Amino acid sequence: MATIKDVAKRAGVAVSTASYALNGINKVSQATVDKVLKAAQELNYQKNGIASDLKRTKTNTIALILSDLSGPYYSELIKGVQDVTTSNGYDLIACSSVGGDKSTATKFLREKRVDGAIVLATNISSEVIAASARKDFPIVVLDREVDNPHVIHVEVDNEQGGYDATKHLLYKGHRSIAYVSGPLDSHDNKERFKGYQAALAASEVPYHSRWKINGDFTREGGYRATRTLIAQKNMPDAIFYANDEMAIGGLQAFSEKGIRVPEDISVIGFDDIQLAEYVNPPLTTVRQPKYEAGSLAVHLIFQMLAGESVDQTYKLATEFVERDSVRGR
C-alpha cells in the first residue's frame, strides 16, 4: 500500500507539503495541491489513522453535497435522495460546499467519513472527487464528468431542454431571442446554451452576442440582467432564462418598468421550480426530473456498494411545460 512518502516522492515535494495538500491545509499553492492529489490518485493512496478506522466500519450514511442548501431547486432533489436512503435503512447528511476544496464537505470525501456521496457543487474540484472515489467509496456527480471508474455521472439532457425552449419561442414567431445565462463555468448552463444556439441555427436565425447576458442562476442576477437589456433600449422579442429563478427576477424587472409579459415580450425559464406556476403570469418552462435524478443517484450508489456493475453515464429527459408567459407574434 502506498504511503504519504510515496506520494510526496512522486509529486516531487516534501512529505510535509504532501500532508498539507492531502489534508486541505491552506499552506501550499493550488498548483501544488493539484500535483499531490494527482500523485495520490495514481498510487491509489488512502490516508491512515482515524479516517481509515472510520472507513473500516460502515457508517450507513450517504452524503449529499450541494452548492447551496437554501435554493428552491434542491427540495425535490433532496426528497428523492432521502426517500431511497431511508427505505434502505441509511441516514442522509446534506452539506454545503461553501469553501470549495477547503470545505467540511471536502473532508467527507477525502477522509471517507460516509459510505458514498452525491455531489452537485461546481466549487468542489474534479481533482478532489477523482482522488476520493474508490470501489468501496462510490461517488455520483450531477453536474459534470469526472475521469474515474468509480465516479458515475447522472445528468439531465440540458442541451435538448435548451433546444426545446428556444424552438418553442421560434415556433411562436420570435426571431430576436436573448439568452440570460447561469455561471459561465456551469456544465448545465453550457449545455442549455448549446441547445439554444442549435435551435437558432436549425431555423437559420443568426445568433447575436449582444443577446447573451450573465444572470448567475440567481433571482437577483436575472433581475440585473433584465435591467441591462431594458437599458439597451433595443429589446428582443423574447428571453430564454437558463433557470426559473432568473426568469422570476426578470418578471419583477419588467413589472417595475411597465413592460407586459407576454404582451410586450415573451419569457421562458428552465427547471420548473414550485414557484413557477404561481408567479404572474405563470411561467412557461422546461421541467427537470429533480426527484428522479436524486433517487437514481442514490440507487446507483447502493448498487455499487453491493458490488454490482453500473453504467458510467445516465441522461434523464426533460419535459416542456407550456403556461402563460409566451405569446405568438
C-alpha atoms as a PDB file:
ATOM      1  CA  MET A   1       0.000   0.000   0.000  1.00  0.00           C
ATOM      2  CA  ALA A   2       1.312   3.430  -0.952  1.00  0.00           C
ATOM      3  CA  THR A   3       2.433   5.739   1.853  1.00  0.00           C
ATOM      4  CA  ILE A   4       2.471   9.510   2.090  1.00  0.00           C
ATOM      5  CA  LYS A   5       6.220   9.326   1.427  1.00  0.00           C
ATOM      6  CA  ASP A   6       5.496   7.603  -1.889  1.00  0.00           C
ATOM      7  CA  VAL A   7       3.012  10.330  -2.800  1.00  0.00           C
ATOM      8  CA  ALA A   8       5.492  13.077  -1.879  1.00  0.00           C
ATOM      9  CA  LYS A   9       8.241  11.417  -3.920  1.00  0.00           C
ATOM     10  CA  ARG A  10       6.028  11.003  -6.979  1.00  0.00           C
ATOM     11  CA  ALA A  11       4.826  14.614  -6.746  1.00  0.00           C
ATOM     12  CA  GLY A  12       8.363  15.903  -6.156  1.00  0.00           C
ATOM     13  CA  VAL A  13       7.523  17.656  -2.883  1.00  0.00           C
ATOM     14  CA  ALA A  14       8.406  17.336   0.784  1.00  0.00           C
ATOM     15  CA  VAL A  15       6.386  14.957   2.962  1.00  0.00           C
ATOM     16  CA  SER A  16       5.085  17.903   4.994  1.00  0.00           C
ATOM     17  CA  THR A  17       3.915  19.612   1.804  1.00  0.00           C
ATOM     18  CA  ALA A  18       2.125  16.450   0.696  1.00  0.00           C
ATOM     19  CA  SER A  19       0.462  16.253   4.118  1.00  0.00           C
ATOM     20  CA  TYR A  20      -0.746  19.858   3.878  1.00  0.00           C
ATOM     21  CA  ALA A  21      -2.173  19.225   0.409  1.00  0.00           C
ATOM     22  CA  LEU A  22      -3.917  15.961   1.329  1.00  0.00           C
ATOM     23  CA  ASN A  23      -5.449  17.428   4.481  1.00  0.00           C
ATOM     24  CA  GLY A  24      -6.671  20.657   2.904  1.00  0.00           C
ATOM     25  CA  ILE A  25      -4.390  22.883   4.983  1.00  0.00           C
ATOM     26  CA  ASN A  26      -4.033  26.256   3.296  1.00  0.00           C
ATOM     27  CA  LYS A  27      -0.234  26.459   3.316  1.00  0.00           C
ATOM     28  CA  VAL A  28       0.573  25.415  -0.259  1.00  0.00           C
ATOM     29  CA  SER A  29      -0.384  26.700  -3.691  1.00  0.00           C
ATOM     30  CA  GLN A  30      -3.287  25.264  -5.640  1.00  0.00           C
ATOM     31  CA  ALA A  31      -0.853  24.014  -8.308  1.00  0.00           C
ATOM     32  CA  THR A  32       0.981  22.003  -5.650  1.00  0.00           C
ATOM     33  CA  VAL A  33      -2.297  20.657  -4.252  1.00  0.00           C
ATOM     34  CA  ASP A  34      -3.325  19.502  -7.730  1.00  0.00           C
ATOM     35  CA  LYS A  35       0.062  17.819  -8.258  1.00  0.00           C
ATOM     36  CA  VAL A  36      -0.138  15.967  -4.933  1.00  0.00           C
ATOM     37  CA  LEU A  37      -3.745  14.861  -5.486  1.00  0.00           C
ATOM     38  CA  LYS A  38      -2.831  13.543  -8.922  1.00  0.00           C
ATOM     39  CA  ALA A  39       0.058  11.571  -7.460  1.00  0.00           C
ATOM     40  CA  ALA A  40      -2.206  10.183  -4.722  1.00  0.00           C
ATOM     41  CA  GLN A  41      -4.753   9.069  -7.295  1.00  0.00           C
ATOM     42  CA  GLU A  42      -2.112   7.397  -9.474  1.00  0.00           C
ATOM     43  CA  LEU A  43      -0.758   5.479  -6.472  1.00  0.00           C
ATOM     44  CA  ASN A  44      -4.237   4.646  -5.106  1.00  0.00           C
ATOM     45  CA  TYR A  45      -3.137   6.222  -1.831  1.00  0.00           C
ATOM     46  CA  GLN A  46      -5.519   6.114   1.131  1.00  0.00           C
ATOM     47  CA  LYS A  47      -4.974   8.036   4.347  1.00  0.00           C
ATOM     48  CA  ASN A  48      -4.119   6.194   7.524  1.00  0.00           C
ATOM     49  CA  GLY A  49      -5.261   6.921  11.068  1.00  0.00           C
ATOM     50  CA  ILE A  50      -8.720   7.928  12.218  1.00  0.00           C
ATOM     51  CA  ALA A  51     -10.159   8.325   8.739  1.00  0.00           C
ATOM     52  CA  SER A  52      -9.146   4.763   7.801  1.00  0.00           C
ATOM     53  CA  ASP A  53     -10.533   3.439  11.054  1.00  0.00           C
ATOM     54  CA  LEU A  54     -13.826   5.144  10.294  1.00  0.00           C
ATOM     55  CA  LYS A  55     -13.855   3.668   6.814  1.00  0.00           C
ATOM     56  CA  ARG A  56     -13.335   0.119   8.081  1.00  0.00           C
ATOM     57  CA  THR A  57     -16.648   0.420   9.926  1.00  0.00           C
ATOM     58  CA  LYS A  58     -19.688   1.085   7.759  1.00  0.00           C
ATOM     59  CA  THR A  59     -21.444   4.304   8.671  1.00  0.00           C
ATOM     60  CA  ASN A  60     -24.742   3.515   6.914  1.00  0.00           C
ATOM     61  CA  THR A  61     -24.712   7.150   5.823  1.00  0.00           C
ATOM     62  CA  ILE A  62     -24.735   8.829   2.416  1.00  0.00           C
ATOM     63  CA  ALA A  63     -23.552  12.418   1.917  1.00  0.00           C
ATOM     64  CA  LEU A  64     -25.317  14.850  -0.413  1.00  0.00           C
ATOM     65  CA  ILE A  65     -23.062  17.816  -1.181  1.00  0.00           C
ATOM     66  CA  LEU A  66     -24.775  20.888  -2.637  1.00  0.00           C
ATOM     67  CA  SER A  67     -23.624  24.376  -3.568  1.00  0.00           C
ATOM     68  CA  ASP A  68     -26.484  25.934  -1.616  1.00  0.00           C
ATOM     69  CA  LEU A  69     -28.877  24.217   0.780  1.00  0.00           C
ATOM     70  CA  SER A  70     -31.429  27.029   0.529  1.00  0.00           C
ATOM     71  CA  GLY A  71     -32.169  27.173  -3.203  1.00  0.00           C
ATOM     72  CA  PRO A  72     -35.699  26.229  -4.378  1.00  0.00           C
ATOM     73  CA  TYR A  73     -34.246  23.849  -6.978  1.00  0.00           C
ATOM     74  CA  TYR A  74     -32.911  21.473  -4.343  1.00  0.00           C
ATOM     75  CA  SER A  75     -36.027  20.479  -2.366  1.00  0.00           C
ATOM     76  CA  GLU A  76     -37.275  17.794  -4.772  1.00  0.00           C
ATOM     77  CA  LEU A  77     -33.747  16.505  -5.367  1.00  0.00           C
ATOM     78  CA  ILE A  78     -33.163  16.124  -1.620  1.00  0.00           C
ATOM     79  CA  LYS A  79     -36.514  14.345  -1.224  1.00  0.00           C
ATOM     80  CA  GLY A  80     -35.593  11.867  -3.956  1.00  0.00           C
ATOM     81  CA  VAL A  81     -32.307  11.057  -2.213  1.00  0.00           C
ATOM     82  CA  GLN A  82     -33.897  10.970   1.231  1.00  0.00           C
ATOM     83  CA  ASP A  83     -36.710   8.574   0.269  1.00  0.00           C
ATOM     84  CA  VAL A  84     -34.292   5.987  -1.107  1.00  0.00           C
ATOM     85  CA  THR A  85     -31.725   6.252   1.697  1.00  0.00           C
ATOM     86  CA  THR A  86     -34.452   5.908   4.336  1.00  0.00           C
ATOM     87  CA  SER A  87     -36.037   2.908   2.622  1.00  0.00           C
ATOM     88  CA  ASN A  88     -32.629   1.203   2.675  1.00  0.00           C
ATOM     89  CA  GLY A  89     -32.039   1.902   6.376  1.00  0.00           C
ATOM     90  CA  TYR A  90     -29.401   4.567   5.721  1.00  0.00           C
ATOM     91  CA  ASP A  91     -29.017   8.084   7.057  1.00  0.00           C
ATOM     92  CA  LEU A  92     -28.528  11.146   4.846  1.00  0.00           C
ATOM     93  CA  ILE A  93     -26.187  14.047   5.524  1.00  0.00           C
ATOM     94  CA  ALA A  94     -26.776  17.111   3.331  1.00  0.00           C
ATOM     95  CA  CYS A  95     -23.945  19.619   3.495  1.00  0.00           C
ATOM     96  CA  SER A  96     -22.975  22.847   1.758  1.00  0.00           C
ATOM     97  CA  SER A  97     -19.821  23.158  -0.311  1.00  0.00           C
ATOM     98  CA  VAL A  98     -19.157  26.735   0.819  1.00  0.00           C
ATOM     99  CA  GLY A  99     -15.373  26.977   0.947  1.00  0.00           C
ATOM    100  CA  GLY A 100     -14.852  24.684  -2.047  1.00  0.00           C
ATOM    101  CA  ASP A 101     -11.878  22.376  -1.706  1.00  0.00           C
ATOM    102  CA  LYS A 102     -11.256  23.711   1.818  1.00  0.00           C
ATOM    103  CA  SER A 103     -14.826  22.988   2.978  1.00  0.00           C
ATOM    104  CA  THR A 104     -16.049  20.469   5.511  1.00  0.00           C
ATOM    105  CA  ALA A 105     -17.854  18.762   2.642  1.00  0.00           C
ATOM    106  CA  THR A 106     -14.497  18.068   1.016  1.00  0.00           C
ATOM    107  CA  LYS A 107     -13.278  16.419   4.222  1.00  0.00           C
ATOM    108  CA  PHE A 108     -16.171  13.964   3.963  1.00  0.00           C
ATOM    109  CA  LEU A 109     -14.810  12.990   0.551  1.00  0.00           C
ATOM    110  CA  ARG A 110     -11.107  12.907   1.345  1.00  0.00           C
ATOM    111  CA  GLU A 111     -11.482  11.140   4.692  1.00  0.00           C
ATOM    112  CA  LYS A 112     -14.405   8.955   3.574  1.00  0.00           C
ATOM    113  CA  ARG A 113     -16.496   9.604   6.665  1.00  0.00           C
ATOM    114  CA  VAL A 114     -19.585   8.250   4.869  1.00  0.00           C
ATOM    115  CA  ASP A 115     -20.199   5.208   2.657  1.00  0.00           C
ATOM    116  CA  GLY A 116     -20.802   7.136  -0.549  1.00  0.00           C
ATOM    117  CA  ALA A 117     -21.502  10.642  -1.820  1.00  0.00           C
ATOM    118  CA  ILE A 118     -23.629  12.544  -4.314  1.00  0.00           C
ATOM    119  CA  VAL A 119     -22.076  15.824  -5.464  1.00  0.00           C
ATOM    120  CA  LEU A 120     -23.906  18.751  -7.060  1.00  0.00           C
ATOM    121  CA  ALA A 121     -21.398  21.515  -6.361  1.00  0.00           C
ATOM    122  CA  THR A 122     -19.192  23.054  -9.024  1.00  0.00           C
ATOM    123  CA  ASN A 123     -16.790  24.502  -6.433  1.00  0.00           C
ATOM    124  CA  ILE A 124     -15.679  21.009  -5.360  1.00  0.00           C
ATOM    125  CA  SER A 125     -12.952  20.349  -7.910  1.00  0.00           C
ATOM    126  CA  SER A 126     -12.990  17.334 -10.195  1.00  0.00           C
ATOM    127  CA  GLU A 127      -9.471  16.546  -8.958  1.00  0.00           C
ATOM    128  CA  VAL A 128     -10.698  16.146  -5.372  1.00  0.00           C
ATOM    129  CA  ILE A 129     -13.610  13.948  -6.499  1.00  0.00           C
ATOM    130  CA  ALA A 130     -11.395  11.758  -8.692  1.00  0.00           C
ATOM    131  CA  ALA A 131      -8.820  11.358  -5.923  1.00  0.00           C
ATOM    132  CA  SER A 132     -11.507  10.372  -3.386  1.00  0.00           C
ATOM    133  CA  ALA A 133     -13.613   7.832  -5.277  1.00  0.00           C
ATOM    134  CA  ARG A 134     -12.852   4.142  -4.707  1.00  0.00           C
ATOM    135  CA  LYS A 135     -14.609   0.837  -5.305  1.00  0.00           C
ATOM    136  CA  ASP A 136     -15.775   0.873  -1.682  1.00  0.00           C
ATOM    137  CA  PHE A 137     -16.477   4.626  -1.766  1.00  0.00           C
ATOM    138  CA  PRO A 138     -18.569   5.398  -4.869  1.00  0.00           C
ATOM    139  CA  ILE A 139     -19.420   8.955  -5.871  1.00  0.00           C
ATOM    140  CA  VAL A 140     -22.196  10.164  -8.158  1.00  0.00           C
ATOM    141  CA  VAL A 141     -21.848  13.617  -9.733  1.00  0.00           C
ATOM    142  CA  LEU A 142     -24.846  15.514 -11.108  1.00  0.00           C
ATOM    143  CA  ASP A 143     -23.248  18.477 -12.859  1.00  0.00           C
ATOM    144  CA  ARG A 144     -20.126  17.357 -14.713  1.00  0.00           C
ATOM    145  CA  GLU A 145     -17.995  14.457 -15.919  1.00  0.00           C
ATOM    146  CA  VAL A 146     -15.060  13.171 -13.834  1.00  0.00           C
ATOM    147  CA  ASP A 147     -12.486  10.688 -15.146  1.00  0.00           C
ATOM    148  CA  ASN A 148     -12.600   7.886 -12.577  1.00  0.00           C
ATOM    149  CA  PRO A 149     -14.269   4.451 -12.974  1.00  0.00           C
ATOM    150  CA  HIS A 150     -15.831   4.798  -9.516  1.00  0.00           C
ATOM    151  CA  VAL A 151     -17.479   8.144 -10.332  1.00  0.00           C
ATOM    152  CA  ILE A 152     -20.875   7.841 -12.015  1.00  0.00           C
ATOM    153  CA  HIS A 153     -22.448  10.688 -13.979  1.00  0.00           C
ATOM    154  CA  VAL A 154     -26.169  11.402 -13.741  1.00  0.00           C
ATOM    155  CA  GLU A 155     -27.285  14.367 -15.778  1.00  0.00           C
ATOM    156  CA  VAL A 156     -30.376  15.888 -17.281  1.00  0.00           C
ATOM    157  CA  ASP A 157     -30.473  16.361 -21.054  1.00  0.00           C
ATOM    158  CA  ASN A 158     -29.884  20.091 -20.698  1.00  0.00           C
ATOM    159  CA  GLU A 159     -28.975  20.576 -24.343  1.00  0.00           C
ATOM    160  CA  GLN A 160     -32.277  19.095 -25.540  1.00  0.00           C
ATOM    161  CA  GLY A 161     -34.147  21.165 -22.938  1.00  0.00           C
ATOM    162  CA  GLY A 162     -32.458  24.347 -24.166  1.00  0.00           C
ATOM    163  CA  TYR A 163     -33.260  23.384 -27.745  1.00  0.00           C
ATOM    164  CA  ASP A 164     -36.936  22.744 -26.924  1.00  0.00           C
ATOM    165  CA  ALA A 165     -37.317  26.066 -25.101  1.00  0.00           C
ATOM    166  CA  THR A 166     -35.779  28.083 -27.920  1.00  0.00           C
ATOM    167  CA  LYS A 167     -37.628  26.112 -30.610  1.00  0.00           C
ATOM    168  CA  HIS A 168     -40.922  26.953 -28.898  1.00  0.00           C
ATOM    169  CA  LEU A 169     -40.117  30.662 -29.000  1.00  0.00           C
ATOM    170  CA  LEU A 170     -39.172  30.369 -32.674  1.00  0.00           C
ATOM    171  CA  TYR A 171     -42.394  28.456 -33.400  1.00  0.00           C
ATOM    172  CA  LYS A 172     -44.318  31.325 -31.810  1.00  0.00           C
ATOM    173  CA  GLY A 173     -42.763  33.694 -34.342  1.00  0.00           C
ATOM    174  CA  HIS A 174     -39.978  35.266 -32.268  1.00  0.00           C
ATOM    175  CA  ARG A 175     -36.716  35.947 -34.099  1.00  0.00           C
ATOM    176  CA  SER A 176     -34.679  38.075 -31.677  1.00  0.00           C
ATOM    177  CA  ILE A 177     -34.274  35.845 -28.624  1.00  0.00           C
ATOM    178  CA  ALA A 178     -31.972  36.770 -25.741  1.00  0.00           C
ATOM    179  CA  TYR A 179     -30.276  34.191 -23.500  1.00  0.00           C
ATOM    180  CA  VAL A 180     -29.748  35.021 -19.820  1.00  0.00           C
ATOM    181  CA  SER A 181     -27.092  32.576 -18.681  1.00  0.00           C
ATOM    182  CA  GLY A 182     -26.010  30.940 -15.467  1.00  0.00           C
ATOM    183  CA  PRO A 183     -22.369  30.877 -14.295  1.00  0.00           C
ATOM    184  CA  LEU A 184     -20.057  30.567 -17.269  1.00  0.00           C
ATOM    185  CA  ASP A 185     -18.253  27.571 -15.706  1.00  0.00           C
ATOM    186  CA  SER A 186     -21.520  25.662 -15.120  1.00  0.00           C
ATOM    187  CA  HIS A 187     -21.801  22.443 -17.144  1.00  0.00           C
ATOM    188  CA  ASP A 188     -25.606  22.696 -17.110  1.00  0.00           C
ATOM    189  CA  ASN A 189     -25.501  26.280 -18.385  1.00  0.00           C
ATOM    190  CA  LYS A 190     -23.099  25.373 -21.204  1.00  0.00           C
ATOM    191  CA  GLU A 191     -25.374  22.552 -22.357  1.00  0.00           C
ATOM    192  CA  ARG A 192     -28.512  24.730 -22.282  1.00  0.00           C
ATOM    193  CA  PHE A 193     -26.698  27.418 -24.263  1.00  0.00           C
ATOM    194  CA  LYS A 194     -25.644  24.806 -26.850  1.00  0.00           C
ATOM    195  CA  GLY A 195     -29.292  23.838 -27.242  1.00  0.00           C
ATOM    196  CA  TYR A 196     -30.269  27.486 -27.641  1.00  0.00           C
ATOM    197  CA  GLN A 197     -27.660  28.014 -30.352  1.00  0.00           C
ATOM    198  CA  ALA A 198     -28.600  24.765 -32.117  1.00  0.00           C
ATOM    199  CA  ALA A 199     -32.267  25.764 -32.290  1.00  0.00           C
ATOM    200  CA  LEU A 200     -31.385  29.169 -33.752  1.00  0.00           C
ATOM    201  CA  ALA A 201     -29.126  27.525 -36.325  1.00  0.00           C
ATOM    202  CA  ALA A 202     -31.802  24.960 -37.275  1.00  0.00           C
ATOM    203  CA  SER A 203     -34.192  27.827 -38.038  1.00  0.00           C
ATOM    204  CA  GLU A 204     -31.470  29.857 -39.786  1.00  0.00           C
ATOM    205  CA  VAL A 205     -31.813  32.637 -37.228  1.00  0.00           C
ATOM    206  CA  PRO A 206     -28.466  34.337 -36.569  1.00  0.00           C
ATOM    207  CA  TYR A 207     -27.022  34.392 -33.049  1.00  0.00           C
ATOM    208  CA  HIS A 208     -26.008  37.819 -31.735  1.00  0.00           C
ATOM    209  CA  SER A 209     -23.651  38.035 -28.778  1.00  0.00           C
ATOM    210  CA  ARG A 210     -25.386  41.167 -27.507  1.00  0.00           C
ATOM    211  CA  TRP A 211     -28.362  38.977 -26.596  1.00  0.00           C
ATOM    212  CA  LYS A 212     -26.339  36.861 -24.155  1.00  0.00           C
ATOM    213  CA  ILE A 213     -26.109  38.278 -20.613  1.00  0.00           C
ATOM    214  CA  ASN A 214     -24.925  36.569 -17.432  1.00  0.00           C
ATOM    215  CA  GLY A 215     -27.522  36.213 -14.668  1.00  0.00           C
ATOM    216  CA  ASP A 216     -25.575  33.774 -12.459  1.00  0.00           C
ATOM    217  CA  PHE A 217     -28.558  31.412 -11.777  1.00  0.00           C
ATOM    218  CA  THR A 218     -29.936  33.729  -9.044  1.00  0.00           C
ATOM    219  CA  ARG A 219     -33.136  35.768  -8.878  1.00  0.00           C
ATOM    220  CA  GLU A 220     -31.096  38.911  -8.282  1.00  0.00           C
ATOM    221  CA  GLY A 221     -28.866  38.073 -11.253  1.00  0.00           C
ATOM    222  CA  GLY A 222     -31.887  37.631 -13.520  1.00  0.00           C
ATOM    223  CA  TYR A 223     -33.274  40.947 -12.302  1.00  0.00           C
ATOM    224  CA  ARG A 224     -29.975  42.766 -13.024  1.00  0.00           C
ATOM    225  CA  ALA A 225     -29.542  41.111 -16.423  1.00  0.00           C
ATOM    226  CA  THR A 226     -33.071  42.111 -17.420  1.00  0.00           C
ATOM    227  CA  ARG A 227     -32.494  45.685 -16.292  1.00  0.00           C
ATOM    228  CA  THR A 228     -29.399  45.702 -18.521  1.00  0.00           C
ATOM    229  CA  LEU A 229     -31.419  44.519 -21.516  1.00  0.00           C
ATOM    230  CA  ILE A 230     -34.073  47.170 -20.854  1.00  0.00           C
ATOM    231  CA  ALA A 231     -31.403  49.871 -20.577  1.00  0.00           C
ATOM    232  CA  GLN A 232     -30.082  48.967 -24.049  1.00  0.00           C
ATOM    233  CA  LYS A 233     -33.387  50.285 -25.491  1.00  0.00           C
ATOM    234  CA  ASN A 234     -33.210  47.588 -28.139  1.00  0.00           C
ATOM    235  CA  MET A 235     -35.300  44.854 -26.599  1.00  0.00           C
ATOM    236  CA  PRO A 236     -35.512  41.350 -28.053  1.00  0.00           C
ATOM    237  CA  ASP A 237     -38.836  39.682 -28.890  1.00  0.00           C
ATOM    238  CA  ALA A 238     -38.317  37.051 -26.192  1.00  0.00           C
ATOM    239  CA  ILE A 239     -35.900  35.897 -23.478  1.00  0.00           C
ATOM    240  CA  PHE A 240     -34.832  32.374 -22.585  1.00  0.00           C
ATOM    241  CA  TYR A 241     -33.618  32.400 -18.989  1.00  0.00           C
ATOM    242  CA  ALA A 242     -31.348  29.444 -18.151  1.00  0.00           C
ATOM    243  CA  ASN A 243     -33.291  28.831 -14.936  1.00  0.00           C
ATOM    244  CA  ASP A 244     -36.608  29.794 -13.375  1.00  0.00           C
ATOM    245  CA  GLU A 245     -35.113  31.848 -10.554  1.00  0.00           C
ATOM    246  CA  MET A 246     -33.569  34.256 -13.056  1.00  0.00           C
ATOM    247  CA  ALA A 247     -36.815  34.348 -15.046  1.00  0.00           C
ATOM    248  CA  ILE A 248     -38.752  35.330 -11.911  1.00  0.00           C
ATOM    249  CA  GLY A 249     -36.239  38.107 -11.285  1.00  0.00           C
ATOM    250  CA  GLY A 250     -36.796  39.199 -14.867  1.00  0.00           C
ATOM    251  CA  LEU A 251     -40.568  39.320 -14.388  1.00  0.00           C
ATOM    252  CA  GLN A 252     -40.034  41.699 -11.482  1.00  0.00           C
ATOM    253  CA  ALA A 253     -37.781  43.974 -13.561  1.00  0.00           C
ATOM    254  CA  PHE A 254     -40.350  44.094 -16.387  1.00  0.00           C
ATOM    255  CA  SER A 255     -43.177  44.851 -13.957  1.00  0.00           C
ATOM    256  CA  GLU A 256     -41.271  47.792 -12.482  1.00  0.00           C
ATOM    257  CA  LYS A 257     -40.795  49.287 -15.950  1.00  0.00           C
ATOM    258  CA  GLY A 258     -44.373  48.729 -17.090  1.00  0.00           C
ATOM    259  CA  ILE A 259     -43.335  46.123 -19.679  1.00  0.00           C
ATOM    260  CA  ARG A 260     -46.045  43.474 -20.014  1.00  0.00           C
ATOM    261  CA  VAL A 261     -45.342  39.738 -20.207  1.00  0.00           C
ATOM    262  CA  PRO A 262     -46.291  38.195 -22.585  1.00  0.00           C
ATOM    263  CA  GLU A 263     -47.995  41.093 -24.427  1.00  0.00           C
ATOM    264  CA  ASP A 264     -44.762  43.063 -24.919  1.00  0.00           C
ATOM    265  CA  ILE A 265     -42.160  40.321 -24.501  1.00  0.00           C
ATOM    266  CA  SER A 266     -42.241  36.537 -24.086  1.00  0.00           C
ATOM    267  CA  VAL A 267     -40.348  34.809 -21.265  1.00  0.00           C
ATOM    268  CA  ILE A 268     -39.375  31.187 -20.767  1.00  0.00           C
ATOM    269  CA  GLY A 269     -37.422  29.526 -17.944  1.00  0.00           C
ATOM    270  CA  PHE A 270     -35.837  26.202 -17.041  1.00  0.00           C
ATOM    271  CA  ASP A 271     -36.257  23.824 -14.028  1.00  0.00           C
ATOM    272  CA  ASP A 272     -39.988  24.143 -13.215  1.00  0.00           C
ATOM    273  CA  ILE A 273     -39.478  25.044  -9.568  1.00  0.00           C
ATOM    274  CA  GLN A 274     -42.653  25.107  -7.445  1.00  0.00           C
ATOM    275  CA  LEU A 275     -42.980  28.890  -7.640  1.00  0.00           C
ATOM    276  CA  ALA A 276     -43.004  28.875 -11.467  1.00  0.00           C
ATOM    277  CA  GLU A 277     -46.731  28.162 -11.785  1.00  0.00           C
ATOM    278  CA  TYR A 278     -47.724  30.742  -9.156  1.00  0.00           C
ATOM    279  CA  VAL A 279     -45.986  33.877 -10.472  1.00  0.00           C
ATOM    280  CA  ASN A 280     -47.830  36.340 -12.705  1.00  0.00           C
ATOM    281  CA  PRO A 281     -48.003  35.288 -15.445  1.00  0.00           C
ATOM    282  CA  PRO A 282     -47.436  31.548 -14.756  1.00  0.00           C
ATOM    283  CA  LEU A 283     -44.066  30.684 -16.255  1.00  0.00           C
ATOM    284  CA  THR A 284     -43.561  28.577 -19.364  1.00  0.00           C
ATOM    285  CA  THR A 285     -40.520  26.449 -18.618  1.00  0.00           C
ATOM    286  CA  VAL A 286     -38.604  23.188 -19.052  1.00  0.00           C
ATOM    287  CA  ARG A 287     -39.169  20.684 -16.260  1.00  0.00           C
ATOM    288  CA  GLN A 288     -36.181  18.857 -14.832  1.00  0.00           C
ATOM    289  CA  PRO A 289     -36.761  15.398 -13.288  1.00  0.00           C
ATOM    290  CA  LYS A 290     -35.261  16.552  -9.996  1.00  0.00           C
ATOM    291  CA  TYR A 291     -36.784  13.871  -7.765  1.00  0.00           C
ATOM    292  CA  GLU A 292     -35.862  11.133 -10.259  1.00  0.00           C
ATOM    293  CA  ALA A 293     -32.260  12.379 -10.510  1.00  0.00           C
ATOM    294  CA  GLY A 294     -31.846  12.239  -6.732  1.00  0.00           C
ATOM    295  CA  SER A 295     -33.406   8.804  -6.329  1.00  0.00           C
ATOM    296  CA  LEU A 296     -31.454   7.360  -9.264  1.00  0.00           C
ATOM    297  CA  ALA A 297     -28.166   8.731  -7.901  1.00  0.00           C
ATOM    298  CA  VAL A 298     -28.540   7.029  -4.533  1.00  0.00           C
ATOM    299  CA  HIS A 299     -29.843   3.790  -6.108  1.00  0.00           C
ATOM    300  CA  LEU A 300     -26.630   3.656  -8.136  1.00  0.00           C
ATOM    301  CA  ILE A 301     -24.539   4.135  -5.001  1.00  0.00           C
ATOM    302  CA  PHE A 302     -26.281   1.205  -3.314  1.00  0.00           C
ATOM    303  CA  GLN A 303     -25.729  -0.952  -6.400  1.00  0.00           C
ATOM    304  CA  MET A 304     -22.018  -0.120  -6.429  1.00  0.00           C
ATOM    305  CA  LEU A 305     -21.693  -0.779  -2.687  1.00  0.00           C
ATOM    306  CA  ALA A 306     -23.252  -4.205  -3.335  1.00  0.00           C
ATOM    307  CA  GLY A 307     -20.572  -4.908  -5.942  1.00  0.00           C
ATOM    308  CA  GLU A 308     -22.932  -4.667  -8.917  1.00  0.00           C
ATOM    309  CA  SER A 309     -21.783  -3.184 -12.210  1.00  0.00           C
ATOM    310  CA  VAL A 310     -23.473   0.000 -13.424  1.00  0.00           C
ATOM    311  CA  ASP A 311     -23.130   2.216 -16.466  1.00  0.00           C
ATOM    312  CA  GLN A 312     -20.809   5.202 -16.275  1.00  0.00           C
ATOM    313  CA  THR A 313     -23.318   7.806 -17.515  1.00  0.00           C
ATOM    314  CA  TYR A 314     -27.084   8.266 -17.232  1.00  0.00           C
ATOM    315  CA  LYS A 315     -29.023  11.008 -19.016  1.00  0.00           C
ATOM    316  CA  LEU A 316     -32.586  11.918 -17.997  1.00  0.00           C
ATOM    317  CA  ALA A 317     -35.085  13.557 -20.353  1.00  0.00           C
ATOM    318  CA  THR A 318     -36.634  16.966 -19.705  1.00  0.00           C
ATOM    319  CA  GLU A 319     -40.282  17.913 -20.246  1.00  0.00           C
ATOM    320  CA  PHE A 320     -41.576  21.108 -21.826  1.00  0.00           C
ATOM    321  CA  VAL A 321     -44.260  22.872 -19.734  1.00  0.00           C
ATOM    322  CA  GLU A 322     -46.385  25.495 -21.509  1.00  0.00           C
ATOM    323  CA  ARG A 323     -48.082  28.129 -19.372  1.00  0.00           C
ATOM    324  CA  ASP A 324     -48.866  31.823 -19.983  1.00  0.00           C
ATOM    325  CA  SER A 325     -45.569  33.733 -20.284  1.00  0.00           C
ATOM    326  CA  VAL A 326     -45.133  33.189 -24.032  1.00  0.00           C
ATOM    327  CA  ARG A 327     -47.357  34.654 -26.747  1.00  0.00           C
ATOM    328  CA  GLY A 328     -47.106  34.376 -30.521  1.00  0.00           C
ATOM    329  CA  ARG A 329     -46.194  37.439 -32.553  1.00  0.00           C
END
